[in-house]
Structures are given as structure tokens and as C-alpha cells.
Amino acid sequence: MNIEGVIPDLNARILCYCNAYNRGALSADTLRAMGYANACFIGGGLKAYRTHQLAKAQLK
């Protein structure tokens, strides 16, 4: 994919994620190296996000 053609704004917030952890982090790191200052990732991936959302829902 040509990210520069899809998101030309280097200050755009870009959220990278994968199922577990490493690919989202690697993607965000690569984007930051390319100049995308606001590239970030979900720590722990979607599995961690889902676990957090489930725990949060059980607190209600």
C-alpha cells in the first residue's frame, strides 16, 4: 500500500493494530520513521482491547 498517497498529512493520527501485539507496534514504528508523528498502536492488540472492554462492561 502507498500510505503517502492515501494519507498525505504527516500529522494525521493513525491507529495501527493487530490481533496480539507486535505487528501493530511495528507498523506504528515504521510510520513514525516515515515521518508520521502521530502513528500509535493498541498495546496488546485487539485481544487486550477486547479483554479491557469486557472487564469494563462487567464493572457496570
PDB file of N, CA and C in Angstrom:
ATOM      1  N   MET A   1       0.841  -1.181   0.000  1.00  0.00           N
ATOM      2  CA  MET A   1       0.000   0.000   0.000  1.00  0.00           C
ATOM      3  C   MET A   1       0.885   1.242   0.000  1.00  0.00           C
ATOM      4  N   ASN A   2       0.436   2.241  -0.695  1.00  0.00           N
ATOM      5  CA  ASN A   2       1.148   3.505  -0.756  1.00  0.00           C
ATOM      6  C   ASN A   2       0.507   4.467   0.244  1.00  0.00           C
ATOM      7  N   ILE A   3       0.979   4.460   1.472  1.00  0.00           N
ATOM      8  CA  ILE A   3       0.388   5.273   2.532  1.00  0.00           C
ATOM      9  C   ILE A   3       0.480   6.760   2.224  1.00  0.00           C
ATOM     10  N   GLU A   4       1.545   7.168   1.577  1.00  0.00           N
ATOM     11  CA  GLU A   4       1.705   8.588   1.259  1.00  0.00           C
ATOM     12  C   GLU A   4       0.584   9.081   0.350  1.00  0.00           C
ATOM     13  N   GLY A   5       0.099   8.239  -0.529  1.00  0.00           N
ATOM     14  CA  GLY A   5      -0.986   8.607  -1.427  1.00  0.00           C
ATOM     15  C   GLY A   5      -2.347   8.596  -0.746  1.00  0.00           C
ATOM     16  N   VAL A   6      -2.498   7.760   0.276  1.00  0.00           N
ATOM     17  CA  VAL A   6      -3.770   7.635   0.980  1.00  0.00           C
ATOM     18  C   VAL A   6      -3.877   8.649   2.115  1.00  0.00           C
ATOM     19  N   ILE A   7      -2.800   8.825   2.849  1.00  0.00           N
ATOM     20  CA  ILE A   7      -2.770   9.774   3.975  1.00  0.00           C
ATOM     21  C   ILE A   7      -1.537  10.661   3.808  1.00  0.00           C
ATOM     22  N   PRO A   8      -1.673  11.743   3.046  1.00  0.00           N
ATOM     23  CA  PRO A   8      -0.512  12.606   2.809  1.00  0.00           C
ATOM     24  C   PRO A   8      -0.144  13.490   4.007  1.00  0.00           C
ATOM     25  N   ASP A   9      -1.073  13.687   4.948  1.00  0.00           N
ATOM     26  CA  ASP A   9      -0.842  14.554   6.106  1.00  0.00           C
ATOM     27  C   ASP A   9       0.015  13.830   7.148  1.00  0.00           C
ATOM     28  N   LEU A  10       1.262  14.282   7.322  1.00  0.00           N
ATOM     29  CA  LEU A  10       2.174  13.645   8.270  1.00  0.00           C
ATOM     30  C   LEU A  10       1.759  13.864   9.724  1.00  0.00           C
ATOM     31  N   ASN A  11       0.801  14.746   9.966  1.00  0.00           N
ATOM     32  CA  ASN A  11       0.321  14.983  11.325  1.00  0.00           C
ATOM     33  C   ASN A  11      -0.996  14.268  11.622  1.00  0.00           C
ATOM     34  N   ALA A  12      -1.489  13.490  10.673  1.00  0.00           N
ATOM     35  CA  ALA A  12      -2.734  12.746  10.884  1.00  0.00           C
ATOM     36  C   ALA A  12      -2.523  11.694  11.967  1.00  0.00           C
ATOM     37  N   ARG A  13      -3.555  11.464  12.766  1.00  0.00           N
ATOM     38  CA  ARG A  13      -3.485  10.409  13.781  1.00  0.00           C
ATOM     39  C   ARG A  13      -3.818   9.089  13.102  1.00  0.00           C
ATOM     40  N   ILE A  14      -2.914   8.131  13.218  1.00  0.00           N
ATOM     41  CA  ILE A  14      -3.089   6.821  12.599  1.00  0.00           C
ATOM     42  C   ILE A  14      -2.992   5.770  13.691  1.00  0.00           C
ATOM     43  N   LEU A  15      -4.028   4.951  13.806  1.00  0.00           N
ATOM     44  CA  LEU A  15      -4.055   3.887  14.806  1.00  0.00           C
ATOM     45  C   LEU A  15      -3.762   2.559  14.124  1.00  0.00           C
ATOM     46  N   CYS A  16      -2.695   1.925  14.541  1.00  0.00           N
ATOM     47  CA  CYS A  16      -2.306   0.618  14.000  1.00  0.00           C
ATOM     48  C   CYS A  16      -2.668  -0.453  15.022  1.00  0.00           C
ATOM     49  N   TYR A  17      -3.121  -1.590  14.533  1.00  0.00           N
ATOM     50  CA  TYR A  17      -3.450  -2.673  15.451  1.00  0.00           C
ATOM     51  C   TYR A  17      -3.300  -4.014  14.753  1.00  0.00           C
ATOM     52  N   CYS A  18      -3.180  -5.025  15.550  1.00  0.00           N
ATOM     53  CA  CYS A  18      -3.164  -6.401  15.068  1.00  0.00           C
ATOM     54  C   CYS A  18      -3.933  -7.216  16.103  1.00  0.00           C
ATOM     55  N   ASN A  19      -3.875  -8.508  16.004  1.00  0.00           N
ATOM     56  CA  ASN A  19      -4.622  -9.335  16.940  1.00  0.00           C
ATOM     57  C   ASN A  19      -3.934  -9.442  18.298  1.00  0.00           C
ATOM     58  N   ALA A  20      -2.620  -9.484  18.313  1.00  0.00           N
ATOM     59  CA  ALA A  20      -1.920  -9.694  19.573  1.00  0.00           C
ATOM     60  C   ALA A  20      -1.096  -8.479  20.010  1.00  0.00           C
ATOM     61  N   TYR A  21       0.012  -8.202  19.355  1.00  0.00           N
ATOM     62  CA  TYR A  21       0.823  -7.081  19.818  1.00  0.00           C
ATOM     63  C   TYR A  21       1.799  -6.567  18.759  1.00  0.00           C
ATOM     64  N   ASN A  22       2.683  -7.422  18.284  1.00  0.00           N
ATOM     65  CA  ASN A  22       3.874  -6.957  17.580  1.00  0.00           C
ATOM     66  C   ASN A  22       3.656  -6.282  16.234  1.00  0.00           C
ATOM     67  N   ARG A  23       2.730  -6.727  15.424  1.00  0.00           N
ATOM     68  CA  ARG A  23       2.568  -6.120  14.092  1.00  0.00           C
ATOM     69  C   ARG A  23       2.038  -4.693  14.173  1.00  0.00           C
ATOM     70  N   GLY A  24       1.135  -4.428  15.096  1.00  0.00           N
ATOM     71  CA  GLY A  24       0.644  -3.059  15.274  1.00  0.00           C
ATOM     72  C   GLY A  24       1.760  -2.133  15.711  1.00  0.00           C
ATOM     73  N   ALA A  25       2.580  -2.605  16.651  1.00  0.00           N
ATOM     74  CA  ALA A  25       3.709  -1.804  17.140  1.00  0.00           C
ATOM     75  C   ALA A  25       4.732  -1.577  16.030  1.00  0.00           C
ATOM     76  N   LEU A  26       5.026  -2.607  15.260  1.00  0.00           N
ATOM     77  CA  LEU A  26       5.976  -2.471  14.157  1.00  0.00           C
ATOM     78  C   LEU A  26       5.453  -1.523  13.082  1.00  0.00           C
ATOM     79  N   SER A  27       4.165  -1.606  12.794  1.00  0.00           N
ATOM     80  CA  SER A  27       3.566  -0.709  11.799  1.00  0.00           C
ATOM     81  C   SER A  27       3.652   0.741  12.252  1.00  0.00           C
ATOM     82  N   ALA A  28       3.305   0.990  13.521  1.00  0.00           N
ATOM     83  CA  ALA A  28       3.366   2.364  14.042  1.00  0.00           C
ATOM     84  C   ALA A  28       4.803   2.876  14.030  1.00  0.00           C
ATOM     85  N   ASP A  29       5.741   2.023  14.396  1.00  0.00           N
ATOM     86  CA  ASP A  29       7.148   2.414  14.397  1.00  0.00           C
ATOM     87  C   ASP A  29       7.621   2.755  12.986  1.00  0.00           C
ATOM     88  N   THR A  30       7.231   1.957  12.018  1.00  0.00           N
ATOM     89  CA  THR A  30       7.593   2.219  10.622  1.00  0.00           C
ATOM     90  C   THR A  30       6.996   3.534  10.142  1.00  0.00           C
ATOM     91  N   LEU A  31       5.737   3.766  10.472  1.00  0.00           N
ATOM     92  CA  LEU A  31       5.095   5.021  10.062  1.00  0.00           C
ATOM     93  C   LEU A  31       5.771   6.224  10.707  1.00  0.00           C
ATOM     94  N   ARG A  32       6.142   6.105  11.981  1.00  0.00           N
ATOM     95  CA  ARG A  32       6.853   7.216  12.641  1.00  0.00           C
ATOM     96  C   ARG A  32       8.199   7.455  11.976  1.00  0.00           C
ATOM     97  N   ALA A  33       8.880   6.392  11.568  1.00  0.00           N
ATOM     98  CA  ALA A  33      10.159   6.538  10.869  1.00  0.00           C
ATOM     99  C   ALA A  33       9.973   7.217   9.507  1.00  0.00           C
ATOM    100  N   MET A  34       8.789   7.077   8.934  1.00  0.00           N
ATOM    101  CA  MET A  34       8.475   7.717   7.656  1.00  0.00           C
ATOM    102  C   MET A  34       8.016   9.163   7.842  1.00  0.00           C
ATOM    103  N   GLY A  35       7.910   9.601   9.100  1.00  0.00           N
ATOM    104  CA  GLY A  35       7.534  10.984   9.360  1.00  0.00           C
ATOM    105  C   GLY A  35       6.135  11.196   9.891  1.00  0.00           C
ATOM    106  N   TYR A  36       5.361  10.145  10.042  1.00  0.00           N
ATOM    107  CA  TYR A  36       4.005  10.264  10.594  1.00  0.00           C
ATOM    108  C   TYR A  36       4.104  10.345  12.125  1.00  0.00           C
ATOM    109  N   ALA A  37       4.095  11.581  12.613  1.00  0.00           N
ATOM    110  CA  ALA A  37       4.377  11.835  14.029  1.00  0.00           C
ATOM    111  C   ALA A  37       3.329  11.266  14.973  1.00  0.00           C
ATOM    112  N   ASN A  38       2.093  11.102  14.527  1.00  0.00           N
ATOM    113  CA  ASN A  38       1.016  10.668  15.411  1.00  0.00           C
ATOM    114  C   ASN A  38       0.568   9.230  15.170  1.00  0.00           C
ATOM    115  N   ALA A  39       1.451   8.401  14.658  1.00  0.00           N
ATOM    116  CA  ALA A  39       1.125   6.986  14.493  1.00  0.00           C
ATOM    117  C   ALA A  39       1.222   6.316  15.865  1.00  0.00           C
ATOM    118  N   CYS A  40       0.197   5.563  16.218  1.00  0.00           N
ATOM    119  CA  CYS A  40       0.197   4.878  17.516  1.00  0.00           C
ATOM    120  C   CYS A  40      -0.385   3.477  17.335  1.00  0.00           C
ATOM    121  N   PHE A  41      -0.371   2.691  18.387  1.00  0.00           N
ATOM    122  CA  PHE A  41      -0.883   1.328  18.308  1.00  0.00           C
ATOM    123  C   PHE A  41      -1.584   0.961  19.604  1.00  0.00           C
ATOM    124  N   ILE A  42      -2.411  -0.072  19.529  1.00  0.00           N
ATOM    125  CA  ILE A  42      -3.095  -0.587  20.709  1.00  0.00           C
ATOM    126  C   ILE A  42      -2.158  -1.590  21.367  1.00  0.00           C
ATOM    127  N   GLY A  43      -1.665  -1.247  22.554  1.00  0.00           N
ATOM    128  CA  GLY A  43      -0.779  -2.156  23.292  1.00  0.00           C
ATOM    129  C   GLY A  43      -1.497  -3.454  23.616  1.00  0.00           C
ATOM    130  N   GLY A  44      -0.939  -4.556  23.209  1.00  0.00           N
ATOM    131  CA  GLY A  44      -1.564  -5.849  23.450  1.00  0.00           C
ATOM    132  C   GLY A  44      -2.516  -6.266  22.344  1.00  0.00           C
ATOM    133  N   GLY A  45      -2.720  -5.393  21.361  1.00  0.00           N
ATOM    134  CA  GLY A  45      -3.558  -5.715  20.215  1.00  0.00           C
ATOM    135  C   GLY A  45      -5.038  -5.791  20.539  1.00  0.00           C
ATOM    136  N   LEU A  46      -5.792  -6.343  19.602  1.00  0.00           N
ATOM    137  CA  LEU A  46      -7.240  -6.434  19.772  1.00  0.00           C
ATOM    138  C   LEU A  46      -7.629  -7.362  20.909  1.00  0.00           C
ATOM    139  N   LYS A  47      -6.809  -8.374  21.177  1.00  0.00           N
ATOM    140  CA  LYS A  47      -7.107  -9.270  22.305  1.00  0.00           C
ATOM    141  C   LYS A  47      -7.141  -8.484  23.611  1.00  0.00           C
ATOM    142  N   ALA A  48      -6.158  -7.633  23.831  1.00  0.00           N
ATOM    143  CA  ALA A  48      -6.110  -6.826  25.052  1.00  0.00           C
ATOM    144  C   ALA A  48      -7.249  -5.824  25.083  1.00  0.00           C
ATOM    145  N   TYR A  49      -7.551  -5.236  23.940  1.00  0.00           N
ATOM    146  CA  TYR A  49      -8.652  -4.271  23.859  1.00  0.00           C
ATOM    147  C   TYR A  49      -9.971  -4.945  24.229  1.00  0.00           C
ATOM    148  N   ARG A  50     -10.222  -6.111  23.656  1.00  0.00           N
ATOM    149  CA  ARG A  50     -11.465  -6.836  23.955  1.00  0.00           C
ATOM    150  C   ARG A  50     -11.536  -7.225  25.424  1.00  0.00           C
ATOM    151  N   THR A  51     -10.438  -7.680  25.990  1.00  0.00           N
ATOM    152  CA  THR A  51     -10.407  -8.050  27.408  1.00  0.00           C
ATOM    153  C   THR A  51     -10.711  -6.832  28.275  1.00  0.00           C
ATOM    154  N   HIS A  52     -10.125  -5.696  27.922  1.00  0.00           N
ATOM    155  CA  HIS A  52     -10.363  -4.463  28.672  1.00  0.00           C
ATOM    156  C   HIS A  52     -11.826  -4.048  28.576  1.00  0.00           C
ATOM    157  N   GLN A  53     -12.404  -4.129  27.379  1.00  0.00           N
ATOM    158  CA  GLN A  53     -13.809  -3.751  27.194  1.00  0.00           C
ATOM    159  C   GLN A  53     -14.735  -4.670  27.972  1.00  0.00           C
ATOM    160  N   LEU A  54     -14.428  -5.968  28.018  1.00  0.00           N
ATOM    161  CA  LEU A  54     -15.235  -6.930  28.765  1.00  0.00           C
ATOM    162  C   LEU A  54     -15.159  -6.633  30.257  1.00  0.00           C
ATOM    163  N   ALA A  55     -13.952  -6.382  30.759  1.00  0.00           N
ATOM    164  CA  ALA A  55     -13.784  -6.057  32.177  1.00  0.00           C
ATOM    165  C   ALA A  55     -14.518  -4.772  32.523  1.00  0.00           C
ATOM    166  N   LYS A  56     -14.438  -3.792  31.648  1.00  0.00           N
ATOM    167  CA  LYS A  56     -15.108  -2.515  31.862  1.00  0.00           C
ATOM    168  C   LYS A  56     -16.623  -2.702  31.906  1.00  0.00           C
ATOM    169  N   ALA A  57     -17.159  -3.543  31.020  1.00  0.00           N
ATOM    170  CA  ALA A  57     -18.600  -3.790  30.976  1.00  0.00           C
ATOM    171  C   ALA A  57     -19.074  -4.514  32.231  1.00  0.00           C
ATOM    172  N   GLN A  58     -18.231  -5.383  32.784  1.00  0.00           N
ATOM    173  CA  GLN A  58     -18.606  -6.136  33.982  1.00  0.00           C
ATOM    174  C   GLN A  58     -18.621  -5.252  35.224  1.00  0.00           C
ATOM    175  N   LEU A  59     -17.929  -4.109  35.178  1.00  0.00           N
ATOM    176  CA  LEU A  59     -17.911  -3.193  36.318  1.00  0.00           C
ATOM    177  C   LEU A  59     -19.207  -2.408  36.430  1.00  0.00           C
ATOM    178  N   LYS A  60     -19.950  -2.318  35.368  1.00  0.00           N
ATOM    179  CA  LYS A  60     -21.188  -1.512  35.363  1.00  0.00           C
ATOM    180  C   LYS A  60     -22.297  -2.210  36.072  1.00  0.00           C
TER     181      LYS A  60
END
